[in-house]
Amino acid sequence: MAGANVLEINDGNFETEVLKADVPVLLDFSAVWCGPCKVLEPIVTKLADEYKGKVKVGKLDIDDSPGVASKFGIRGVPTVLIFKGGKESGRHVGVTNKETLLKLLGV
């Protein structure tokens, strides 16, 4: 389960929560059946807690929201996309560490 500061993003709220966000957005594409996603989840949750108000952090289940996943060509999970000003500005496929995600975010 994602932390309190991690938003559940889906096909319905993606545009409002991600593309129209006034801060950078880290979006974690994952799936409930994905083992590596479970490894990445606490790292993403920690970032959401530490950078609350500066960065919006969301999680999107590719099985529940295939539209957004397809639009951005998500072929494997976990995949993290960074959005700034409504545009994708960074991407990382696979499990990673906090430092790599911070570099992608530019914070």
Protein backbone atom coordinates (compact mmCIF):
# COMPACT_ATOMS: atom_id res chain seq x y z
CA MET A 1 0.00 0.00 0.00
CA ALA A 2 1.32 3.41 -0.96
CA GLY A 3 2.04 6.00 1.73
CA ALA A 4 -0.28 8.82 2.72
CA ASN A 5 1.59 11.32 0.50
CA VAL A 6 1.51 9.08 -2.59
CA LEU A 7 -1.46 9.84 -4.82
CA GLU A 8 -3.31 7.07 -6.61
CA ILE A 9 -3.22 8.15 -10.25
CA ASN A 10 -5.47 6.61 -12.90
CA ASP A 11 -6.73 7.23 -16.42
CA GLY A 12 -9.45 9.49 -15.00
CA ASN A 13 -7.33 11.88 -12.90
CA PHE A 14 -4.01 11.77 -14.80
CA GLU A 15 -4.48 15.04 -16.69
CA THR A 16 -5.53 17.02 -13.60
CA GLU A 17 -3.05 15.53 -11.12
CA VAL A 18 -0.01 15.13 -13.40
CA LEU A 19 -0.18 17.22 -16.56
CA LYS A 20 -1.66 20.28 -14.83
CA ALA A 21 0.45 20.03 -11.66
CA ASP A 22 2.29 23.19 -10.61
CA VAL A 23 5.24 21.21 -9.18
CA PRO A 24 7.34 18.39 -10.68
CA VAL A 25 5.61 15.00 -10.62
CA LEU A 26 7.20 11.61 -10.04
CA LEU A 27 4.86 8.93 -11.36
CA ASP A 28 5.56 5.30 -10.48
CA PHE A 29 4.02 2.87 -12.99
CA SER A 30 3.56 -0.48 -11.25
CA ALA A 31 1.34 -3.54 -10.87
CA VAL A 32 0.19 -5.58 -7.87
CA TRP A 33 1.82 -8.74 -9.26
CA CYS A 34 5.21 -7.05 -9.78
CA GLY A 35 7.91 -8.10 -7.27
CA PRO A 36 10.42 -5.35 -8.20
CA CYS A 37 7.60 -2.78 -7.81
CA LYS A 38 7.29 -3.81 -4.17
CA VAL A 39 11.04 -3.18 -3.74
CA LEU A 40 10.74 0.32 -5.23
CA GLU A 41 7.58 1.30 -3.33
CA PRO A 42 9.23 2.26 0.02
CA ILE A 43 11.75 4.45 -1.83
CA VAL A 44 8.96 6.26 -3.67
CA THR A 45 6.97 6.62 -0.43
CA LYS A 46 9.98 8.09 1.37
CA LEU A 47 10.47 10.66 -1.41
CA ALA A 48 6.79 11.59 -1.21
CA ASP A 49 7.11 12.19 2.53
CA GLU A 50 10.40 14.11 2.36
CA TYR A 51 9.46 16.34 -0.59
CA LYS A 52 5.79 16.97 0.21
CA GLY A 53 4.77 20.32 -1.25
CA LYS A 54 7.83 20.47 -3.54
CA VAL A 55 7.19 17.35 -5.61
CA LYS A 56 3.97 15.50 -6.29
CA VAL A 57 4.39 11.73 -6.12
CA GLY A 58 1.90 9.34 -7.66
CA LYS A 59 1.47 5.66 -8.34
CA LEU A 60 -0.37 4.24 -11.33
CA ASP A 61 -1.38 0.59 -11.67
CA ILE A 62 -0.89 -0.36 -15.32
CA ASP A 63 -3.62 -3.00 -15.15
CA ASP A 64 -6.20 -0.57 -13.74
CA SER A 65 -5.21 2.33 -16.03
CA PRO A 66 -3.95 0.92 -19.33
CA GLY A 67 -4.69 4.16 -21.23
CA VAL A 68 -1.94 6.27 -19.64
CA ALA A 69 0.50 3.35 -19.62
CA SER A 70 -0.07 2.80 -23.34
CA LYS A 71 0.17 6.52 -24.17
CA PHE A 72 3.65 6.69 -22.63
CA GLY A 73 4.84 3.35 -24.02
CA ILE A 74 5.25 1.63 -20.66
CA ARG A 75 6.51 -1.85 -21.54
CA GLY A 76 7.86 -3.00 -18.17
CA VAL A 77 7.31 -2.21 -14.52
CA PRO A 78 8.42 -0.58 -12.43
CA THR A 79 8.90 2.46 -14.65
CA VAL A 80 9.18 5.93 -13.14
CA LEU A 81 8.38 9.00 -15.25
CA ILE A 82 9.12 12.57 -14.23
CA PHE A 83 6.82 15.33 -15.48
CA LYS A 84 7.58 19.05 -15.40
CA GLY A 85 5.18 21.58 -16.84
CA GLY A 86 2.94 18.84 -18.21
CA LYS A 87 5.73 17.18 -20.21
CA GLU A 88 7.80 14.08 -19.57
CA SER A 89 11.28 15.19 -18.53
CA GLY A 90 12.79 11.94 -17.28
CA ARG A 91 12.35 8.18 -17.23
CA HIS A 92 13.84 5.22 -15.41
CA VAL A 93 12.92 1.58 -16.02
CA GLY A 94 13.50 -0.96 -13.26
CA VAL A 95 14.32 -0.78 -9.59
CA THR A 96 16.54 2.12 -8.63
CA ASN A 97 17.62 4.12 -5.60
CA LYS A 98 16.55 7.41 -4.08
CA GLU A 99 19.60 9.27 -5.43
CA THR A 100 18.81 8.33 -9.04
CA LEU A 101 15.22 9.48 -8.65
CA LEU A 102 16.35 12.78 -7.10
CA LYS A 103 18.69 13.36 -10.05
CA LEU A 104 15.82 12.74 -12.46
CA LEU A 105 13.69 15.21 -10.52
CA GLY A 106 16.49 17.77 -10.41
CA VAL A 107 16.09 18.40 -6.66
